[in-house]
């Protein structure tokens, strides 16, 4: 059986759990990650030398990096990733965009306003983080306003899992934000999926 190492308060762990639920795969989960259980210990580092969650284990097979795990699961089951080459490329485009473009800008604002991390209290840096994040969300808004339904087109894919969880984080920010009607409508659609409702209901930093 598949095993996932990671705490559910991690957005990257919830990516994997949502995918597993969509695919109907059985799995167990073991809590790892601060503040619950420190992954910077030899036992965990032997599995992932980065000391980060999630980690997926099946027998002797060990895989880390959440998006790599999503790709592995989708390709293994031939679900949640398009067969058509161009549609598949669009899916991967948005999957990578979430990791490389959307994730970075929110760091300071999330630490300051949601996690309440000591030292993240500079109002100018919070404002700059929100400006940069908003610019990325504008890209998503413009794309979804085209009426595709899902980020890669008319089909729900693993790219929607990662983007929807990012939208969930955006909507939870306790600060005045720009209205993004297409993004908000998209969020409601994804939240109506049983797995989406489960993993976006969690109030998490």
Protein backbone atom coordinates (compact mmCIF):
# COMPACT_ATOMS: atom_id res chain seq x y z
CA UNK A 1 0.00 0.00 0.00
CA UNK A 2 1.07 3.56 -0.66
CA UNK A 3 2.29 5.57 2.30
CA UNK A 4 2.54 9.35 2.49
CA UNK A 5 4.87 11.01 4.96
CA UNK A 6 3.76 14.52 5.84
CA UNK A 7 1.44 16.68 7.95
CA UNK A 8 -1.88 17.74 6.42
CA UNK A 9 -1.19 21.39 7.23
CA UNK A 10 1.37 21.36 4.40
CA UNK A 11 -0.06 22.56 1.08
CA UNK A 12 2.32 20.22 -0.74
CA UNK A 13 1.14 17.22 1.26
CA UNK A 14 -2.49 18.10 0.56
CA UNK A 15 -1.71 18.16 -3.19
CA UNK A 16 -0.76 14.49 -2.98
CA UNK A 17 -3.63 13.47 -0.70
CA UNK A 18 -6.16 15.18 -2.99
CA UNK A 19 -4.74 13.33 -6.00
CA UNK A 20 -4.84 10.01 -4.18
CA UNK A 21 -8.48 10.59 -3.26
CA UNK A 22 -9.38 11.57 -6.85
CA UNK A 23 -7.71 8.39 -8.08
CA UNK A 24 -9.43 6.23 -5.47
CA UNK A 25 -6.14 4.78 -4.27
CA UNK A 26 -5.72 3.38 -0.78
CA UNK A 27 -2.96 4.86 1.31
CA UNK A 28 -1.78 5.45 4.82
CA UNK A 29 -0.30 8.68 6.12
CA UNK A 30 2.31 9.31 8.79
CA UNK A 31 2.79 12.72 10.41
CA UNK A 32 6.11 14.34 9.58
CA UNK A 33 7.09 17.98 9.43
CA UNK A 34 7.42 20.69 12.03
CA UNK A 35 5.94 21.45 14.46
CA UNK A 36 4.70 17.85 14.73
CA UNK A 37 7.77 15.79 13.89
CA UNK A 38 11.14 17.09 12.78
CA UNK A 39 12.14 15.69 9.36
CA UNK A 40 15.78 16.74 9.81
CA UNK A 41 16.65 13.44 11.41
CA UNK A 42 18.63 10.52 9.91
CA UNK A 43 15.56 8.30 9.58
CA UNK A 44 13.77 10.82 7.38
CA UNK A 45 16.82 12.21 5.59
CA UNK A 46 17.59 8.70 4.37
CA UNK A 47 14.32 8.94 2.43
CA UNK A 48 14.54 12.60 1.38
CA UNK A 49 17.91 14.31 1.87
CA UNK A 50 16.16 17.69 1.61
CA UNK A 51 14.28 17.05 4.84
CA UNK A 52 10.99 18.16 3.26
CA UNK A 53 7.49 16.69 3.04
CA UNK A 54 5.79 14.96 1.34
CA UNK A 55 7.47 11.65 0.64
CA UNK A 56 5.64 8.82 -1.11
CA UNK A 57 6.63 5.23 -0.35
CA UNK A 58 5.49 2.00 -1.99
CA UNK A 59 7.49 -1.07 -1.02
CA UNK A 60 11.09 -0.15 -1.95
CA UNK A 61 10.07 2.80 -4.13
CA UNK A 62 10.58 6.23 -2.55
CA UNK A 63 9.68 9.51 -4.25
CA UNK A 64 9.87 13.12 -3.08
CA UNK A 65 8.87 16.50 -4.59
CA UNK A 66 5.10 16.94 -4.61
CA UNK A 67 4.71 17.66 -8.32
CA UNK A 68 6.84 14.67 -9.25
CA UNK A 69 4.58 12.56 -7.04
CA UNK A 70 1.49 13.96 -8.77
CA UNK A 71 2.93 13.12 -12.19
CA UNK A 72 3.86 9.62 -11.07
CA UNK A 73 0.37 8.92 -9.73
CA UNK A 74 -1.44 10.39 -12.72
CA UNK A 75 0.70 8.53 -15.25
CA UNK A 76 0.51 5.30 -13.28
CA UNK A 77 -3.31 5.40 -13.28
CA UNK A 78 -3.69 7.14 -16.68
CA UNK A 79 -6.07 9.64 -15.08
CA UNK A 80 -5.79 13.36 -14.25
CA UNK A 81 -3.32 13.98 -17.06
CA UNK A 82 -4.35 14.39 -20.71
CA UNK A 83 -3.29 11.90 -23.38
CA UNK A 84 -3.28 14.53 -26.13
CA UNK A 85 0.20 16.02 -26.40
CA UNK A 86 -0.77 19.69 -26.50
CA UNK A 87 -3.30 19.34 -23.67
CA UNK A 88 -0.73 17.46 -21.64
CA UNK A 89 1.80 20.24 -22.23
CA UNK A 90 -0.72 22.83 -21.00
CA UNK A 91 -1.32 20.74 -17.89
CA UNK A 92 2.41 20.64 -17.18
CA UNK A 93 2.71 24.36 -17.93
CA UNK A 94 0.29 25.27 -15.13
CA UNK A 95 1.69 22.62 -12.82
CA UNK A 96 5.16 24.14 -13.14
CA UNK A 97 3.82 27.71 -13.09
CA UNK A 98 2.29 27.15 -9.68
CA UNK A 99 5.60 25.89 -8.32
CA UNK A 100 7.95 28.37 -9.97
CA UNK A 101 5.93 31.58 -10.40
CA UNK A 102 2.95 31.59 -8.04
CA UNK A 103 4.54 30.16 -4.90
CA UNK A 104 7.39 32.63 -4.47
CA UNK A 105 5.58 35.97 -4.11
CA UNK A 106 3.29 34.91 -1.30
CA UNK A 107 6.07 33.89 1.11
CA UNK A 108 6.47 37.07 3.13
CA UNK A 109 2.76 37.90 3.31
CA UNK A 110 1.76 34.39 4.36
CA UNK A 111 4.42 34.29 7.07
CA UNK A 112 3.36 37.71 8.32
CA UNK A 113 -0.43 37.51 8.16
CA UNK A 114 -1.33 33.82 8.50
CA UNK A 115 1.60 32.06 10.16
CA UNK A 116 2.49 35.05 12.37
CA UNK A 117 6.15 34.12 12.04
CA UNK A 118 8.40 36.30 14.24
CA UNK A 119 10.42 38.77 12.18
CA UNK A 120 7.87 39.03 9.36
CA UNK A 121 6.43 42.35 10.42
CA UNK A 122 7.66 44.90 7.87
CA UNK A 123 4.53 46.55 6.37
CA UNK A 124 6.39 47.58 3.21
CA UNK A 125 7.54 44.02 2.56
CA UNK A 126 4.04 42.69 3.26
CA UNK A 127 2.62 45.16 0.76
CA UNK A 128 5.24 44.25 -1.84
CA UNK A 129 4.56 40.53 -1.34
CA UNK A 130 0.85 41.12 -1.88
CA UNK A 131 1.49 43.26 -4.98
CA UNK A 132 3.68 40.57 -6.53
CA UNK A 133 1.20 37.84 -5.60
CA UNK A 134 -1.71 39.85 -7.05
CA UNK A 135 0.17 40.22 -10.34
CA UNK A 136 0.43 36.44 -10.60
CA UNK A 137 -3.22 35.99 -9.67
CA UNK A 138 -4.11 38.45 -12.44
CA UNK A 139 -2.51 36.03 -14.90
CA UNK A 140 -4.73 33.23 -13.61
CA UNK A 141 -7.80 35.48 -13.68
CA UNK A 142 -7.18 36.43 -17.31
CA UNK A 143 -6.71 32.79 -18.26
CA UNK A 144 -9.84 31.56 -16.51
CA UNK A 145 -11.89 34.44 -17.89
CA UNK A 146 -11.49 32.80 -21.29
CA UNK A 147 -14.03 30.18 -20.22
CA UNK A 148 -11.86 27.04 -20.44
CA UNK A 149 -13.31 25.71 -17.19
CA UNK A 150 -10.10 24.17 -15.91
CA UNK A 151 -6.58 25.51 -16.22
CA UNK A 152 -5.49 23.06 -18.93
CA UNK A 153 -8.78 23.24 -20.83
CA UNK A 154 -12.07 21.43 -20.37
CA UNK A 155 -10.68 18.54 -18.32
CA UNK A 156 -9.83 18.38 -14.61
CA UNK A 157 -6.13 17.53 -14.17
CA UNK A 158 -3.40 17.49 -11.55
CA UNK A 159 -2.69 21.10 -12.50
CA UNK A 160 -6.08 22.07 -11.07
CA UNK A 161 -5.20 20.45 -7.76
CA UNK A 162 -2.12 22.58 -7.26
CA UNK A 163 -3.70 25.79 -8.55
CA UNK A 164 -6.89 25.37 -6.53
CA UNK A 165 -4.95 24.87 -3.30
CA UNK A 166 -3.03 28.07 -4.08
CA UNK A 167 -6.30 29.91 -4.68
CA UNK A 168 -7.53 28.59 -1.34
CA UNK A 169 -4.51 30.17 0.32
CA UNK A 170 -5.12 33.46 -1.52
CA UNK A 171 -8.77 33.63 -0.45
CA UNK A 172 -7.87 32.94 3.17
CA UNK A 173 -5.49 35.90 3.42
CA UNK A 174 -6.85 38.30 6.08
CA UNK A 175 -6.23 41.41 4.01
CA UNK A 176 -8.15 43.40 1.42
CA UNK A 177 -7.57 41.85 -1.98
CA UNK A 178 -8.45 42.57 -5.57
CA UNK A 179 -11.70 41.00 -6.75
CA UNK A 180 -11.03 38.10 -9.12
CA UNK A 181 -14.46 36.81 -10.19
CA UNK A 182 -13.23 34.11 -12.59
CA UNK A 183 -10.80 32.77 -9.99
CA UNK A 184 -13.51 32.74 -7.34
CA UNK A 185 -15.95 30.92 -9.63
CA UNK A 186 -13.25 28.38 -10.48
CA UNK A 187 -12.59 27.87 -6.77
CA UNK A 188 -16.26 27.10 -6.11
CA UNK A 189 -16.28 24.48 -8.88
CA UNK A 190 -13.20 22.77 -7.46
CA UNK A 191 -14.55 22.95 -3.93
CA UNK A 192 -17.63 21.03 -5.07
CA UNK A 193 -15.51 18.00 -5.89
CA UNK A 194 -15.56 15.65 -2.86
CA UNK A 195 -11.76 15.54 -2.62
CA UNK A 196 -11.53 19.29 -3.17
CA UNK A 197 -14.05 19.92 -0.42
CA UNK A 198 -12.05 17.70 1.92
CA UNK A 199 -8.61 19.19 1.34
CA UNK A 200 -9.61 22.82 0.91
CA UNK A 201 -11.72 22.79 4.07
CA UNK A 202 -8.63 22.61 6.26
CA UNK A 203 -7.68 25.86 7.95
CA UNK A 204 -3.96 25.73 7.60
CA UNK A 205 -0.97 28.03 7.40
